[in-house]
Protein backbone atom coordinates (compact mmCIF):
# COMPACT_ATOMS: atom_id res chain seq x y z
CA MET A 1 158.78 10.16 18.29
CA PRO A 2 156.02 12.47 19.22
CA ASP A 3 153.54 11.71 21.71
CA LYS A 4 150.05 10.54 21.44
CA VAL A 5 148.61 14.25 21.48
CA THR A 6 151.72 15.64 18.82
CA LYS A 7 150.22 15.96 15.66
CA ILE A 8 152.61 14.45 12.84
CA CYS A 9 152.28 15.64 8.83
CA TYR A 10 151.19 12.83 7.32
CA LEU A 11 153.26 13.45 4.15
CA CYS A 12 156.69 13.86 6.12
CA GLY A 13 156.14 12.23 9.39
CA LYS A 14 157.75 15.30 11.67
CA PRO A 15 155.77 16.81 14.37
CA ILE A 16 153.80 19.58 13.90
CA GLU A 17 154.58 22.70 15.94
CA GLY A 18 151.24 25.05 16.50
CA LYS A 19 148.73 24.96 14.00
CA SER A 20 148.34 22.19 11.28
CA SER A 21 147.62 22.97 7.63
CA ASP A 22 145.11 20.42 7.21
CA ASP A 23 145.02 18.68 3.85
CA HIS A 24 142.01 17.31 2.50
CA ILE A 25 141.77 13.41 0.76
CA PRO A 26 141.16 14.05 -1.96
CA PRO A 27 142.29 17.17 -2.94
CA LYS A 28 138.86 19.62 -2.58
CA GLN A 29 139.28 20.70 -5.94
CA PHE A 30 138.16 17.25 -7.17
CA TYR A 31 135.04 18.11 -6.22
CA PRO A 32 133.47 20.42 -9.56
CA LYS A 33 132.10 23.72 -7.62
CA GLU A 34 128.38 22.66 -8.35
CA ILE A 35 128.38 19.48 -6.37
CA ARG A 36 130.39 21.37 -3.36
CA GLU A 37 127.37 23.69 -3.48
CA SER A 38 124.67 21.13 -3.95
CA GLU A 39 125.78 18.74 -1.60
CA ASN A 40 126.30 18.90 2.02
CA LEU A 41 130.01 17.36 1.80
CA ASN A 42 131.89 16.45 5.00
CA LEU A 43 135.16 16.40 3.33
CA GLN A 44 137.92 14.00 4.77
CA LEU A 45 141.14 16.20 7.00
CA VAL A 46 144.39 14.93 7.51
CA PRO A 47 147.33 16.86 9.11
CA SER A 48 150.30 18.09 7.22
CA HIS A 49 152.69 21.39 6.90
CA GLY A 50 151.33 24.12 4.41
CA GLN A 51 154.84 23.64 3.33
CA CYS A 52 154.62 19.61 2.44
CA ASN A 53 151.58 19.80 0.81
CA ASN A 54 151.94 23.08 -1.28
CA GLY A 55 154.51 20.96 -3.06
CA PHE A 56 152.01 19.21 -4.79
CA LYS A 57 149.75 21.54 -5.42
CA ASP A 58 150.56 21.85 -9.43
CA ASP A 59 150.62 18.29 -10.11
CA GLU A 60 147.08 17.69 -8.28
CA GLU A 61 145.78 20.06 -11.02
CA TYR A 62 147.63 18.07 -13.46
CA PHE A 63 145.66 14.87 -12.01
CA TYR A 64 142.78 16.86 -12.02
CA ALA A 65 142.52 17.51 -15.44
CA SER A 66 144.77 15.03 -17.77
CA LEU A 67 142.51 12.55 -16.20
CA TYR A 68 139.22 13.96 -17.12
CA PRO A 69 138.99 11.92 -21.24
CA LEU A 70 139.11 8.87 -18.87
CA VAL A 71 135.74 10.46 -16.53
CA GLU A 72 134.47 11.18 -20.21
CA LYS A 73 134.97 7.57 -21.57
CA TYR A 74 133.41 6.11 -18.36
CA ASN A 75 131.17 8.45 -16.87
CA PRO A 76 129.83 10.84 -19.10
CA ASP A 77 127.59 12.61 -16.46
CA MET A 78 130.40 13.02 -14.16
CA ALA A 79 132.54 14.66 -17.00
CA ALA A 80 129.78 17.08 -17.90
CA LYS A 81 130.24 18.32 -14.29
CA ILE A 82 133.99 18.71 -14.89
CA PHE A 83 134.00 20.37 -18.27
CA ARG A 84 131.85 23.17 -16.31
CA ASP A 85 134.27 23.44 -13.85
CA PHE A 86 137.16 23.46 -16.32
CA ALA A 87 134.81 26.31 -18.11
CA ARG A 88 134.33 28.60 -14.81
CA ARG A 89 137.94 27.79 -13.93
CA CYS A 90 139.11 29.21 -17.24
CA GLN A 91 138.22 32.41 -16.59
CA LYS A 92 141.57 32.90 -14.14
CA PRO A 93 144.40 33.55 -16.33
CA GLN A 94 146.75 30.84 -15.77
CA MET A 95 144.13 28.12 -16.24
CA PRO A 96 143.75 27.82 -20.29
CA ALA A 97 147.43 27.66 -20.38
CA LYS A 98 147.64 24.78 -17.96
CA LEU A 99 144.95 23.01 -19.82
CA ARG A 100 146.75 23.66 -23.01
CA ASN A 101 149.96 22.16 -22.12
CA ILE A 102 148.10 19.05 -21.25
CA TYR A 103 145.96 18.53 -24.55
CA ASP A 104 147.97 20.48 -26.81
CA ASP A 105 150.50 17.19 -26.50
CA VAL A 106 148.69 14.76 -28.34
CA SER A 107 148.77 12.07 -31.19
CA GLY A 108 147.04 10.81 -33.89
CA MET A 109 150.16 8.06 -33.76
CA THR A 110 150.15 5.63 -30.87
CA LYS A 111 154.18 5.39 -29.55
CA GLY A 112 154.30 1.74 -31.08
CA GLY A 113 153.63 3.63 -34.44
CA ILE A 114 150.17 2.50 -35.00
CA HIS A 115 147.92 4.84 -36.61
CA LEU A 116 144.84 5.73 -34.91
CA PRO A 117 141.06 6.18 -36.39
CA ALA A 118 139.94 9.40 -37.18
CA GLY A 119 138.70 11.30 -34.55
CA ILE A 120 140.61 9.61 -32.13
CA VAL A 121 143.52 10.90 -30.38
CA GLU A 122 146.47 9.54 -27.92
CA ILE A 123 147.30 11.89 -25.29
CA ASN A 124 150.67 11.53 -23.85
CA VAL A 125 150.32 12.42 -20.02
CA ASP A 126 153.39 12.57 -17.41
CA LEU A 127 152.71 9.09 -15.55
CA CYS A 128 155.12 10.20 -12.46
CA LYS A 129 153.47 12.98 -11.81
CA ILE A 130 149.92 11.53 -11.93
CA GLN A 131 151.48 8.51 -9.75
CA ARG A 132 152.83 10.85 -7.48
CA ILE A 133 149.27 12.23 -6.69
CA ALA A 134 148.07 8.84 -6.07
CA GLY A 135 150.42 8.13 -3.87
CA LYS A 136 149.73 11.34 -1.86
CA ILE A 137 146.24 10.43 -1.64
CA ALA A 138 147.16 6.74 -0.81
CA ARG A 139 149.07 7.56 2.28
CA GLY A 140 146.16 10.09 3.29
CA VAL A 141 143.95 7.16 3.23
CA LEU A 142 146.82 5.09 5.20
CA PHE A 143 146.46 7.26 7.25
CA LEU A 144 142.80 8.24 7.81
CA SER A 145 143.13 4.50 8.48
CA THR A 146 145.44 3.56 10.75
CA GLU A 147 147.01 7.38 11.76
CA LYS A 148 150.52 6.00 10.58
CA TYR A 149 152.88 7.66 8.67
CA VAL A 150 154.56 5.70 6.17
CA PRO A 151 157.41 7.06 3.37
CA GLU A 152 156.58 7.95 0.04
CA ALA A 153 159.22 5.32 -1.21
CA ASN A 154 157.25 2.37 0.90
CA ILE A 155 154.80 2.55 -2.33
CA VAL A 156 155.83 -0.90 -3.79
CA ASP A 157 152.90 -1.16 -6.06
CA MET A 158 150.82 1.21 -7.85
CA ARG A 159 148.34 0.65 -10.80
CA ILE A 160 145.55 2.60 -12.84
CA CYS A 161 142.85 0.27 -13.93
CA PRO A 162 140.23 2.03 -15.96
CA GLU A 163 138.27 -1.71 -16.60
CA GLU A 164 137.10 -3.64 -13.69
CA SER A 165 138.97 -6.54 -15.71
CA GLU A 166 142.31 -5.28 -15.37
CA VAL A 167 142.15 -4.59 -11.54
CA PRO A 168 144.42 -7.75 -10.09
CA ASP A 169 143.11 -10.53 -8.11
CA MET A 170 144.64 -9.58 -4.74
CA TYR A 171 142.57 -5.96 -4.91
CA GLN A 172 139.70 -7.48 -6.33
CA ILE A 173 139.86 -10.01 -3.00
CA SER A 174 140.75 -6.76 -0.86
CA TRP A 175 137.64 -4.71 -2.23
CA LYS A 176 135.09 -7.57 -1.10
CA CYS A 177 136.82 -8.44 2.27
CA ALA A 178 137.54 -4.95 3.42
CA GLY A 179 134.57 -4.03 4.62
CA SER A 180 132.18 -1.13 3.47
CA VAL A 181 133.38 1.24 0.90
CA LYS A 182 134.27 4.85 2.47
CA GLY A 183 134.74 8.49 1.22
CA PRO A 184 132.59 11.34 1.80
CA TYR A 185 130.97 11.57 -1.59
CA HIS A 186 131.29 8.40 -3.69
CA GLN A 187 130.63 9.91 -7.18
CA VAL A 188 133.72 11.76 -6.39
CA PHE A 189 135.65 9.89 -4.95
CA SER A 190 135.56 6.23 -2.70
CA TYR A 191 137.94 3.70 -1.57
CA LYS A 192 138.99 0.71 0.60
CA TYR A 193 141.69 -0.23 3.07
CA MET A 194 142.94 -3.61 4.17
CA GLN A 195 145.84 -4.73 5.95
CA TYR A 196 147.68 -7.89 5.40
CA LYS A 197 150.61 -8.92 7.10
CA GLN A 198 153.28 -6.37 6.51
CA CYS A 199 151.33 -4.96 3.62
CA HIS A 200 148.42 -2.20 3.40
CA ILE A 201 146.34 -2.67 0.30
CA ILE A 202 144.41 0.27 -0.78
CA SER A 203 141.81 0.88 -3.74
CA LEU A 204 141.08 4.24 -4.79
CA PHE A 205 137.91 4.88 -6.94
CA PHE A 206 138.01 8.47 -8.56
CA TRP A 207 134.46 9.78 -10.37
CA GLU A 208 133.13 6.43 -10.72
CA ALA A 209 135.49 5.90 -13.64
CA PHE A 210 138.39 4.58 -13.06
CA MET A 211 140.51 2.86 -10.17
CA PHE A 212 143.95 3.17 -8.67
CA CYS A 213 145.43 0.13 -6.88
CA VAL A 214 148.50 0.61 -4.72
CA THR A 215 150.44 -1.61 -2.03
CA ILE A 216 152.67 0.22 0.47
CA GLN A 217 154.84 -1.87 2.73
CA GLU A 218 154.90 -1.57 6.61
CA SER A 219 158.44 -0.44 7.50
CA ASP A 220 160.49 0.84 10.67
CA GLU A 221 159.82 3.79 9.70
CA SER A 222 156.22 4.12 10.44
CA ILE A 223 154.99 6.24 13.09
CA SER A 224 151.47 6.69 14.90
């Protein structure tokens, strides 16, 4: 086990030899460029191996782009900033193709066969990619809060809640009891962390539009 002065990667739990490739929690790109330029942001960093971090890069872009419609529905002002960020990034040749891959997979009918009203479509997103990034951010929050590594496999509950009424009681209670809301810029990302017995209960609030509720089980593999 690494000693107290040795950095460990929050994604794999192994010691970091030499200089670490610190990772932003949440990813820096989640903050539209106009916010990064106008605000004095003190973004949160956790230690990681560059190789571990790079393995999530494409899915982070997918998360940011595919969940934009939820931001547009629940926080139009922030959605406008994100849309302008998309327009800026579309000047790069690979970005338009990535956006088309997401938004071309739409349908006027739900998976259950219900025809949607005119002008309303269902976007079929890859939930595995989205949950993978929510889990990564939750483990980053856990590391910020406890300096502990916990394996991805220890995530025992995860759900996205666009409406406050959809947040389970356990997470509502933890949000009330876990102290102050944390995060470098709440309009983009805020969170609360609470430990209850052997569980880490984490609520992640994105763009003041929707919440991810995550529970991570403590285990013998946890390293601090």
